[in-house]
Amino acid sequence: AVLKRAGLDLKSIDLFEVNEAFASVVLAWSKETGADLEKTNVNGGAIAVGHPLGASGGILMNRLLYELERRDLRYGLETMCCGGGLGTATIIDRVVE
């Protein structure tokens, strides 16, 4: 839904940060969406930082912004689970002047 709202498709996204409490989450997400694992959690995901509850989202967003800047890329997508079956997604459009 977030891609449709932004007028983008999966191939438009340069990097993905997928929050995961378990490694199987990223594999299932990639299988379901067809997203490229080479562009996903390029510095490790939430597990790589110990999956600190309440801080994972901020850490992953920071990593996504850093990598978009470092690699001179435009679009990033972060997914987050919120507990209780909820989830969110955010698309970043890096603006270069």
PDB file of N, CA and C in Angstrom:
ATOM      1  N   ALA A   1       0.809  -1.193   0.000  1.00  0.00           N
ATOM      2  CA  ALA A   1       0.000   0.000   0.000  1.00  0.00           C
ATOM      3  C   ALA A   1       0.857   1.262   0.000  1.00  0.00           C
ATOM      4  N   VAL A   2       1.982   1.229   0.732  1.00  0.00           N
ATOM      5  CA  VAL A   2       2.822   2.425   0.807  1.00  0.00           C
ATOM      6  C   VAL A   2       3.454   2.743  -0.550  1.00  0.00           C
ATOM      7  N   LEU A   3       3.829   1.731  -1.296  1.00  0.00           N
ATOM      8  CA  LEU A   3       4.396   1.963  -2.630  1.00  0.00           C
ATOM      9  C   LEU A   3       3.357   2.575  -3.556  1.00  0.00           C
ATOM     10  N   LYS A   4       2.151   2.045  -3.515  1.00  0.00           N
ATOM     11  CA  LYS A   4       1.074   2.569  -4.356  1.00  0.00           C
ATOM     12  C   LYS A   4       0.777   4.025  -4.011  1.00  0.00           C
ATOM     13  N   ARG A   5       0.704   4.330  -2.728  1.00  0.00           N
ATOM     14  CA  ARG A   5       0.435   5.710  -2.297  1.00  0.00           C
ATOM     15  C   ARG A   5       1.522   6.673  -2.759  1.00  0.00           C
ATOM     16  N   ALA A   6       2.760   6.182  -2.813  1.00  0.00           N
ATOM     17  CA  ALA A   6       3.881   7.026  -3.228  1.00  0.00           C
ATOM     18  C   ALA A   6       4.054   7.055  -4.744  1.00  0.00           C
ATOM     19  N   GLY A   7       3.261   6.255  -5.457  1.00  0.00           N
ATOM     20  CA  GLY A   7       3.384   6.199  -6.912  1.00  0.00           C
ATOM     21  C   GLY A   7       4.657   5.504  -7.363  1.00  0.00           C
ATOM     22  N   LEU A   8       5.124   4.550  -6.556  1.00  0.00           N
ATOM     23  CA  LEU A   8       6.357   3.824  -6.849  1.00  0.00           C
ATOM     24  C   LEU A   8       6.071   2.337  -6.962  1.00  0.00           C
ATOM     25  N   ASP A   9       7.061   1.599  -7.431  1.00  0.00           N
ATOM     26  CA  ASP A   9       6.988   0.145  -7.381  1.00  0.00           C
ATOM     27  C   ASP A   9       8.232  -0.369  -6.666  1.00  0.00           C
ATOM     28  N   LEU A  10       8.275  -1.661  -6.419  1.00  0.00           N
ATOM     29  CA  LEU A  10       9.359  -2.262  -5.653  1.00  0.00           C
ATOM     30  C   LEU A  10      10.723  -2.007  -6.291  1.00  0.00           C
ATOM     31  N   LYS A  11      10.769  -2.000  -7.607  1.00  0.00           N
ATOM     32  CA  LYS A  11      12.040  -1.796  -8.309  1.00  0.00           C
ATOM     33  C   LYS A  11      12.569  -0.375  -8.151  1.00  0.00           C
ATOM     34  N   SER A  12      11.717   0.563  -7.773  1.00  0.00           N
ATOM     35  CA  SER A  12      12.139   1.952  -7.561  1.00  0.00           C
ATOM     36  C   SER A  12      12.962   2.120  -6.287  1.00  0.00           C
ATOM     37  N   ILE A  13      12.802   1.202  -5.346  1.00  0.00           N
ATOM     38  CA  ILE A  13      13.440   1.333  -4.040  1.00  0.00           C
ATOM     39  C   ILE A  13      14.895   0.875  -4.127  1.00  0.00           C
ATOM     40  N   ASP A  14      15.795   1.745  -3.664  1.00  0.00           N
ATOM     41  CA  ASP A  14      17.229   1.460  -3.724  1.00  0.00           C
ATOM     42  C   ASP A  14      17.715   0.622  -2.549  1.00  0.00           C
ATOM     43  N   LEU A  15      17.170   0.849  -1.368  1.00  0.00           N
ATOM     44  CA  LEU A  15      17.565   0.110  -0.167  1.00  0.00           C
ATOM     45  C   LEU A  15      16.348  -0.164   0.706  1.00  0.00           C
ATOM     46  N   PHE A  16      16.374  -1.306   1.372  1.00  0.00           N
ATOM     47  CA  PHE A  16      15.311  -1.702   2.295  1.00  0.00           C
ATOM     48  C   PHE A  16      15.895  -1.930   3.686  1.00  0.00           C
ATOM     49  N   GLU A  17      15.183  -1.489   4.702  1.00  0.00           N
ATOM     50  CA  GLU A  17      15.471  -1.868   6.087  1.00  0.00           C
ATOM     51  C   GLU A  17      14.219  -2.555   6.602  1.00  0.00           C
ATOM     52  N   VAL A  18      14.353  -3.842   6.887  1.00  0.00           N
ATOM     53  CA  VAL A  18      13.213  -4.638   7.336  1.00  0.00           C
ATOM     54  C   VAL A  18      13.453  -5.030   8.790  1.00  0.00           C
ATOM     55  N   ASN A  19      12.600  -4.554   9.676  1.00  0.00           N
ATOM     56  CA  ASN A  19      12.727  -4.893  11.089  1.00  0.00           C
ATOM     57  C   ASN A  19      12.391  -6.364  11.276  1.00  0.00           C
ATOM     58  N   GLU A  20      13.228  -7.040  12.038  1.00  0.00           N
ATOM     59  CA  GLU A  20      12.998  -8.453  12.266  1.00  0.00           C
ATOM     60  C   GLU A  20      13.399  -8.829  13.681  1.00  0.00           C
ATOM     61  N   ALA A  21      12.546  -9.594  14.316  1.00  0.00           N
ATOM     62  CA  ALA A  21      12.887 -10.170  15.613  1.00  0.00           C
ATOM     63  C   ALA A  21      13.515 -11.543  15.412  1.00  0.00           C
ATOM     64  N   PHE A  22      13.301 -12.111  14.231  1.00  0.00           N
ATOM     65  CA  PHE A  22      13.828 -13.427  13.874  1.00  0.00           C
ATOM     66  C   PHE A  22      14.307 -13.372  12.430  1.00  0.00           C
ATOM     67  N   ALA A  23      15.346 -14.119  12.106  1.00  0.00           N
ATOM     68  CA  ALA A  23      15.909 -14.098  10.753  1.00  0.00           C
ATOM     69  C   ALA A  23      14.891 -14.517   9.700  1.00  0.00           C
ATOM     70  N   SER A  24      13.971 -15.383  10.058  1.00  0.00           N
ATOM     71  CA  SER A  24      12.991 -15.871   9.087  1.00  0.00           C
ATOM     72  C   SER A  24      12.074 -14.758   8.575  1.00  0.00           C
ATOM     73  N   VAL A  25      11.933 -13.674   9.331  1.00  0.00           N
ATOM     74  CA  VAL A  25      11.055 -12.572   8.923  1.00  0.00           C
ATOM     75  C   VAL A  25      11.511 -11.976   7.601  1.00  0.00           C
ATOM     76  N   VAL A  26      12.801 -11.692   7.470  1.00  0.00           N
ATOM     77  CA  VAL A  26      13.330 -11.083   6.248  1.00  0.00           C
ATOM     78  C   VAL A  26      13.197 -12.040   5.071  1.00  0.00           C
ATOM     79  N   LEU A  27      13.461 -13.311   5.293  1.00  0.00           N
ATOM     80  CA  LEU A  27      13.346 -14.295   4.213  1.00  0.00           C
ATOM     81  C   LEU A  27      11.899 -14.430   3.746  1.00  0.00           C
ATOM     82  N   ALA A  28      10.962 -14.490   4.674  1.00  0.00           N
ATOM     83  CA  ALA A  28       9.543 -14.578   4.305  1.00  0.00           C
ATOM     84  C   ALA A  28       9.096 -13.313   3.587  1.00  0.00           C
ATOM     85  N   TRP A  29       9.535 -12.140   4.074  1.00  0.00           N
ATOM     86  CA  TRP A  29       9.184 -10.858   3.442  1.00  0.00           C
ATOM     87  C   TRP A  29       9.708 -10.808   2.014  1.00  0.00           C
ATOM     88  N   SER A  30      10.945 -11.218   1.812  1.00  0.00           N
ATOM     89  CA  SER A  30      11.532 -11.201   0.473  1.00  0.00           C
ATOM     90  C   SER A  30      10.807 -12.165  -0.463  1.00  0.00           C
ATOM     91  N   LYS A  31      10.478 -13.332   0.051  1.00  0.00           N
ATOM     92  CA  LYS A  31       9.750 -14.311  -0.766  1.00  0.00           C
ATOM     93  C   LYS A  31       8.376 -13.775  -1.153  1.00  0.00           C
ATOM     94  N   GLU A  32       7.701 -13.133  -0.220  1.00  0.00           N
ATOM     95  CA  GLU A  32       6.356 -12.599  -0.466  1.00  0.00           C
ATOM     96  C   GLU A  32       6.369 -11.418  -1.434  1.00  0.00           C
ATOM     97  N   THR A  33       7.356 -10.536  -1.286  1.00  0.00           N
ATOM     98  CA  THR A  33       7.384  -9.304  -2.088  1.00  0.00           C
ATOM     99  C   THR A  33       8.218  -9.409  -3.353  1.00  0.00           C
ATOM    100  N   GLY A  34       9.198 -10.308  -3.353  1.00  0.00           N
ATOM    101  CA  GLY A  34      10.127 -10.389  -4.478  1.00  0.00           C
ATOM    102  C   GLY A  34      11.254  -9.377  -4.384  1.00  0.00           C
ATOM    103  N   ALA A  35      11.398  -8.730  -3.232  1.00  0.00           N
ATOM    104  CA  ALA A  35      12.449  -7.725  -3.044  1.00  0.00           C
ATOM    105  C   ALA A  35      13.829  -8.373  -3.072  1.00  0.00           C
ATOM    106  N   ASP A  36      14.792  -7.620  -3.548  1.00  0.00           N
ATOM    107  CA  ASP A  36      16.174  -8.069  -3.681  1.00  0.00           C
ATOM    108  C   ASP A  36      16.853  -8.092  -2.313  1.00  0.00           C
ATOM    109  N   LEU A  37      17.301  -9.262  -1.872  1.00  0.00           N
ATOM    110  CA  LEU A  37      17.976  -9.369  -0.583  1.00  0.00           C
ATOM    111  C   LEU A  37      19.319  -8.647  -0.570  1.00  0.00           C
ATOM    112  N   GLU A  38      19.919  -8.424  -1.726  1.00  0.00           N
ATOM    113  CA  GLU A  38      21.186  -7.684  -1.795  1.00  0.00           C
ATOM    114  C   GLU A  38      21.005  -6.219  -1.398  1.00  0.00           C
ATOM    115  N   LYS A  39      19.775  -5.730  -1.471  1.00  0.00           N
ATOM    116  CA  LYS A  39      19.476  -4.336  -1.119  1.00  0.00           C
ATOM    117  C   LYS A  39      18.776  -4.227   0.237  1.00  0.00           C
ATOM    118  N   THR A  40      18.739  -5.331   0.974  1.00  0.00           N
ATOM    119  CA  THR A  40      17.970  -5.405   2.211  1.00  0.00           C
ATOM    120  C   THR A  40      18.876  -5.542   3.430  1.00  0.00           C
ATOM    121  N   ASN A  41      18.652  -4.685   4.424  1.00  0.00           N
ATOM    122  CA  ASN A  41      19.418  -4.733   5.679  1.00  0.00           C
ATOM    123  C   ASN A  41      20.919  -4.842   5.402  1.00  0.00           C
ATOM    124  N   VAL A  42      21.432  -3.922   4.629  1.00  0.00           N
ATOM    125  CA  VAL A  42      22.817  -4.001   4.142  1.00  0.00           C
ATOM    126  C   VAL A  42      23.855  -3.917   5.257  1.00  0.00           C
ATOM    127  N   ASN A  43      23.489  -3.417   6.419  1.00  0.00           N
ATOM    128  CA  ASN A  43      24.387  -3.397   7.581  1.00  0.00           C
ATOM    129  C   ASN A  43      23.870  -4.292   8.702  1.00  0.00           C
ATOM    130  N   GLY A  44      23.031  -5.233   8.358  1.00  0.00           N
ATOM    131  CA  GLY A  44      22.388  -6.060   9.367  1.00  0.00           C
ATOM    132  C   GLY A  44      21.112  -5.375   9.814  1.00  0.00           C
ATOM    133  N   GLY A  45      20.178  -6.138  10.284  1.00  0.00           N
ATOM    134  CA  GLY A  45      18.903  -5.560  10.708  1.00  0.00           C
ATOM    135  C   GLY A  45      18.856  -5.357  12.207  1.00  0.00           C
ATOM    136  N   ALA A  46      17.670  -5.444  12.757  1.00  0.00           N
ATOM    137  CA  ALA A  46      17.474  -5.221  14.194  1.00  0.00           C
ATOM    138  C   ALA A  46      18.199  -6.275  15.028  1.00  0.00           C
ATOM    139  N   ILE A  47      18.284  -7.497  14.524  1.00  0.00           N
ATOM    140  CA  ILE A  47      18.989  -8.544  15.263  1.00  0.00           C
ATOM    141  C   ILE A  47      20.459  -8.175  15.434  1.00  0.00           C
ATOM    142  N   ALA A  48      21.047  -7.558  14.422  1.00  0.00           N
ATOM    143  CA  ALA A  48      22.468  -7.195  14.465  1.00  0.00           C
ATOM    144  C   ALA A  48      22.779  -6.178  15.559  1.00  0.00           C
ATOM    145  N   VAL A  49      21.783  -5.421  15.995  1.00  0.00           N
ATOM    146  CA  VAL A  49      21.994  -4.447  17.076  1.00  0.00           C
ATOM    147  C   VAL A  49      21.340  -4.918  18.378  1.00  0.00           C
ATOM    148  N   GLY A  50      21.019  -6.202  18.444  1.00  0.00           N
ATOM    149  CA  GLY A  50      20.443  -6.769  19.657  1.00  0.00           C
ATOM    150  C   GLY A  50      18.946  -6.621  19.771  1.00  0.00           C
ATOM    151  N   HIS A  51      18.290  -6.145  18.723  1.00  0.00           N
ATOM    152  CA  HIS A  51      16.842  -5.931  18.683  1.00  0.00           C
ATOM    153  C   HIS A  51      16.349  -5.237  19.955  1.00  0.00           C
ATOM    154  N   PRO A  52      16.881  -4.035  20.229  1.00  0.00           N
ATOM    155  CA  PRO A  52      16.443  -3.322  21.438  1.00  0.00           C
ATOM    156  C   PRO A  52      15.017  -2.800  21.283  1.00  0.00           C
ATOM    157  N   LEU A  53      14.106  -3.328  22.057  1.00  0.00           N
ATOM    158  CA  LEU A  53      12.705  -2.917  21.965  1.00  0.00           C
ATOM    159  C   LEU A  53      12.574  -1.413  22.176  1.00  0.00           C
ATOM    160  N   GLY A  54      11.825  -0.778  21.308  1.00  0.00           N
ATOM    161  CA  GLY A  54      11.617   0.657  21.402  1.00  0.00           C
ATOM    162  C   GLY A  54      12.671   1.483  20.695  1.00  0.00           C
ATOM    163  N   ALA A  55      13.806   0.871  20.359  1.00  0.00           N
ATOM    164  CA  ALA A  55      14.874   1.616  19.689  1.00  0.00           C
ATOM    165  C   ALA A  55      15.163   1.091  18.291  1.00  0.00           C
ATOM    166  N   SER A  56      14.682  -0.088  17.969  1.00  0.00           N
ATOM    167  CA  SER A  56      14.980  -0.697  16.665  1.00  0.00           C
ATOM    168  C   SER A  56      14.607   0.214  15.508  1.00  0.00           C
ATOM    169  N   GLY A  57      13.432   0.798  15.559  1.00  0.00           N
ATOM    170  CA  GLY A  57      12.965   1.647  14.461  1.00  0.00           C
ATOM    171  C   GLY A  57      13.858   2.837  14.215  1.00  0.00           C
ATOM    172  N   GLY A  58      14.257   3.510  15.272  1.00  0.00           N
ATOM    173  CA  GLY A  58      15.144   4.659  15.136  1.00  0.00           C
ATOM    174  C   GLY A  58      16.513   4.277  14.607  1.00  0.00           C
ATOM    175  N   ILE A  59      17.026   3.162  15.084  1.00  0.00           N
ATOM    176  CA  ILE A  59      18.333   2.686  14.621  1.00  0.00           C
ATOM    177  C   ILE A  59      18.271   2.325  13.146  1.00  0.00           C
ATOM    178  N   LEU A  60      17.246   1.586  12.745  1.00  0.00           N
ATOM    179  CA  LEU A  60      17.128   1.187  11.341  1.00  0.00           C
ATOM    180  C   LEU A  60      16.929   2.395  10.435  1.00  0.00           C
ATOM    181  N   MET A  61      16.143   3.373  10.874  1.00  0.00           N
ATOM    182  CA  MET A  61      15.955   4.578  10.068  1.00  0.00           C
ATOM    183  C   MET A  61      17.276   5.328   9.914  1.00  0.00           C
ATOM    184  N   ASN A  62      18.022   5.438  10.990  1.00  0.00           N
ATOM    185  CA  ASN A  62      19.321   6.095  10.934  1.00  0.00           C
ATOM    186  C   ASN A  62      20.250   5.388   9.951  1.00  0.00           C
ATOM    187  N   ARG A  63      20.273   4.073  10.007  1.00  0.00           N
ATOM    188  CA  ARG A  63      21.113   3.303   9.077  1.00  0.00           C
ATOM    189  C   ARG A  63      20.668   3.500   7.633  1.00  0.00           C
ATOM    190  N   LEU A  64      19.365   3.526   7.413  1.00  0.00           N
ATOM    191  CA  LEU A  64      18.836   3.717   6.064  1.00  0.00           C
ATOM    192  C   LEU A  64      19.232   5.085   5.522  1.00  0.00           C
ATOM    193  N   LEU A  65      19.042   6.120   6.317  1.00  0.00           N
ATOM    194  CA  LEU A  65      19.412   7.469   5.882  1.00  0.00           C
ATOM    195  C   LEU A  65      20.906   7.569   5.602  1.00  0.00           C
ATOM    196  N   TYR A  66      21.710   6.987   6.465  1.00  0.00           N
ATOM    197  CA  TYR A  66      23.163   7.013   6.287  1.00  0.00           C
ATOM    198  C   TYR A  66      23.565   6.341   4.976  1.00  0.00           C
ATOM    199  N   GLU A  67      23.023   5.165   4.716  1.00  0.00           N
ATOM    200  CA  GLU A  67      23.400   4.425   3.505  1.00  0.00           C
ATOM    201  C   GLU A  67      22.898   5.102   2.238  1.00  0.00           C
ATOM    202  N   LEU A  68      21.714   5.693   2.276  1.00  0.00           N
ATOM    203  CA  LEU A  68      21.236   6.438   1.105  1.00  0.00           C
ATOM    204  C   LEU A  68      22.196   7.576   0.790  1.00  0.00           C
ATOM    205  N   GLU A  69      22.629   8.280   1.809  1.00  0.00           N
ATOM    206  CA  GLU A  69      23.570   9.388   1.624  1.00  0.00           C
ATOM    207  C   GLU A  69      24.935   8.877   1.146  1.00  0.00           C
ATOM    208  N   ARG A  70      25.455   7.878   1.825  1.00  0.00           N
ATOM    209  CA  ARG A  70      26.789   7.347   1.513  1.00  0.00           C
ATOM    210  C   ARG A  70      26.875   6.798   0.090  1.00  0.00           C
ATOM    211  N   ARG A  71      25.816   6.140  -0.336  1.00  0.00           N
ATOM    212  CA  ARG A  71      25.812   5.511  -1.659  1.00  0.00           C
ATOM    213  C   ARG A  71      25.229   6.408  -2.740  1.00  0.00           C
ATOM    214  N   ASP A  72      24.794   7.602  -2.354  1.00  0.00           N
ATOM    215  CA  ASP A  72      24.195   8.556  -3.290  1.00  0.00           C
ATOM    216  C   ASP A  72      22.981   7.942  -3.994  1.00  0.00           C
ATOM    217  N   LEU A  73      22.080   7.367  -3.187  1.00  0.00           N
ATOM    218  CA  LEU A  73      20.865   6.743  -3.695  1.00  0.00           C
ATOM    219  C   LEU A  73      19.665   7.601  -3.327  1.00  0.00           C
ATOM    220  N   ARG A  74      18.532   7.312  -3.941  1.00  0.00           N
ATOM    221  CA  ARG A  74      17.358   8.162  -3.748  1.00  0.00           C
ATOM    222  C   ARG A  74      16.306   7.593  -2.796  1.00  0.00           C
ATOM    223  N   TYR A  75      15.797   6.387  -3.071  1.00  0.00           N
ATOM    224  CA  TYR A  75      14.652   5.868  -2.317  1.00  0.00           C
ATOM    225  C   TYR A  75      15.052   4.760  -1.345  1.00  0.00           C
ATOM    226  N   GLY A  76      14.529   4.864  -0.135  1.00  0.00           N
ATOM    227  CA  GLY A  76      14.688   3.820   0.861  1.00  0.00           C
ATOM    228  C   GLY A  76      13.341   3.494   1.470  1.00  0.00           C
ATOM    229  N   LEU A  77      13.170   2.248   1.877  1.00  0.00           N
ATOM    230  CA  LEU A  77      11.922   1.812   2.494  1.00  0.00           C
ATOM    231  C   LEU A  77      12.243   1.076   3.786  1.00  0.00           C
ATOM    232  N   GLU A  78      11.607   1.496   4.867  1.00  0.00           N
ATOM    233  CA  GLU A  78      11.768   0.825   6.155  1.00  0.00           C
ATOM    234  C   GLU A  78      10.432   0.216   6.560  1.00  0.00           C
ATOM    235  N   THR A  79      10.461  -1.030   6.994  1.00  0.00           N
ATOM    236  CA  THR A  79       9.266  -1.664   7.551  1.00  0.00           C
ATOM    237  C   THR A  79       9.468  -1.848   9.047  1.00  0.00           C
ATOM    238  N   MET A  80       8.379  -1.746   9.792  1.00  0.00           N
ATOM    239  CA  MET A  80       8.442  -1.909  11.244  1.00  0.00           C
ATOM    240  C   MET A  80       7.249  -2.719  11.731  1.00  0.00           C
ATOM    241  N   CYS A  81       7.525  -3.637  12.645  1.00  0.00           N
ATOM    242  CA  CYS A  81       6.416  -4.289  13.344  1.00  0.00           C
ATOM    243  C   CYS A  81       6.184  -3.507  14.630  1.00  0.00           C
ATOM    244  N   CYS A  82       4.961  -3.479  15.064  1.00  0.00           N
ATOM    245  CA  CYS A  82       4.621  -2.670  16.240  1.00  0.00           C
ATOM    246  C   CYS A  82       4.019  -3.508  17.353  1.00  0.00           C
ATOM    247  N   GLY A  83       4.017  -4.796  17.202  1.00  0.00           N
ATOM    248  CA  GLY A  83       3.392  -5.654  18.198  1.00  0.00           C
ATOM    249  C   GLY A  83       1.887  -5.710  17.987  1.00  0.00           C
ATOM    250  N   GLY A  84       1.282  -6.744  18.470  1.00  0.00           N
ATOM    251  CA  GLY A  84      -0.162  -6.877  18.368  1.00  0.00           C
ATOM    252  C   GLY A  84      -0.660  -7.041  16.946  1.00  0.00           C
ATOM    253  N   GLY A  85       0.220  -7.458  16.037  1.00  0.00           N
ATOM    254  CA  GLY A  85      -0.173  -7.665  14.649  1.00  0.00           C
ATOM    255  C   GLY A  85      -0.147  -6.415  13.793  1.00  0.00           C
ATOM    256  N   LEU A  86       0.343  -5.315  14.335  1.00  0.00           N
ATOM    257  CA  LEU A  86       0.408  -4.064  13.575  1.00  0.00           C
ATOM    258  C   LEU A  86       1.729  -3.963  12.821  1.00  0.00           C
ATOM    259  N   GLY A  87       1.735  -3.142  11.793  1.00  0.00           N
ATOM    260  CA  GLY A  87       2.963  -2.897  11.048  1.00  0.00           C
ATOM    261  C   GLY A  87       2.897  -1.565  10.332  1.00  0.00           C
ATOM    262  N   THR A  88       4.046  -1.001  10.066  1.00  0.00           N
ATOM    263  CA  THR A  88       4.127   0.264   9.343  1.00  0.00           C
ATOM    264  C   THR A  88       5.228   0.182   8.296  1.00  0.00           C
ATOM    265  N   ALA A  89       5.169   1.075   7.346  1.00  0.00           N
ATOM    266  CA  ALA A  89       6.233   1.202   6.352  1.00  0.00           C
ATOM    267  C   ALA A  89       6.427   2.685   6.068  1.00  0.00           C
ATOM    268  N   THR A  90       7.669   3.067   5.855  1.00  0.00           N
ATOM    269  CA  THR A  90       8.017   4.450   5.552  1.00  0.00           C
ATOM    270  C   THR A  90       8.922   4.472   4.336  1.00  0.00           C
ATOM    271  N   ILE A  91       8.619   5.348   3.395  1.00  0.00           N
ATOM    272  CA  ILE A  91       9.488   5.536   2.236  1.00  0.00           C
ATOM    273  C   ILE A  91      10.208   6.864   2.392  1.00  0.00           C
ATOM    274  N   ILE A  92      11.501   6.828   2.200  1.00  0.00           N
ATOM    275  CA  ILE A  92      12.334   8.029   2.235  1.00  0.00           C
ATOM    276  C   ILE A  92      12.701   8.395   0.805  1.00  0.00           C
ATOM    277  N   ASP A  93      12.506   9.644   0.450  1.00  0.00           N
ATOM    278  CA  ASP A  93      12.932  10.188  -0.843  1.00  0.00           C
ATOM    279  C   ASP A  93      14.045  11.187  -0.537  1.00  0.00           C
ATOM    280  N   ARG A  94      15.272  10.782  -0.785  1.00  0.00           N
ATOM    281  CA  ARG A  94      16.423  11.643  -0.496  1.00  0.00           C
ATOM    282  C   ARG A  94      16.507  12.733  -1.552  1.00  0.00           C
ATOM    283  N   VAL A  95      16.410  13.963  -1.118  1.00  0.00           N
ATOM    284  CA  VAL A  95      16.433  15.107  -2.023  1.00  0.00           C
ATOM    285  C   VAL A  95      17.851  15.654  -2.084  1.00  0.00           C
ATOM    286  N   VAL A  96      18.358  15.797  -3.299  1.00  0.00           N
ATOM    287  CA  VAL A  96      19.700  16.332  -3.505  1.00  0.00           C
ATOM    288  C   VAL A  96      19.566  17.646  -4.251  1.00  0.00           C
ATOM    289  N   GLU A  97      20.192  18.679  -3.733  1.00  0.00           N
ATOM    290  CA  GLU A  97      20.120  19.989  -4.398  1.00  0.00           C
ATOM    291  C   GLU A  97      21.386  20.247  -5.166  1.00  0.00           C
TER     292      GLU A  97
END
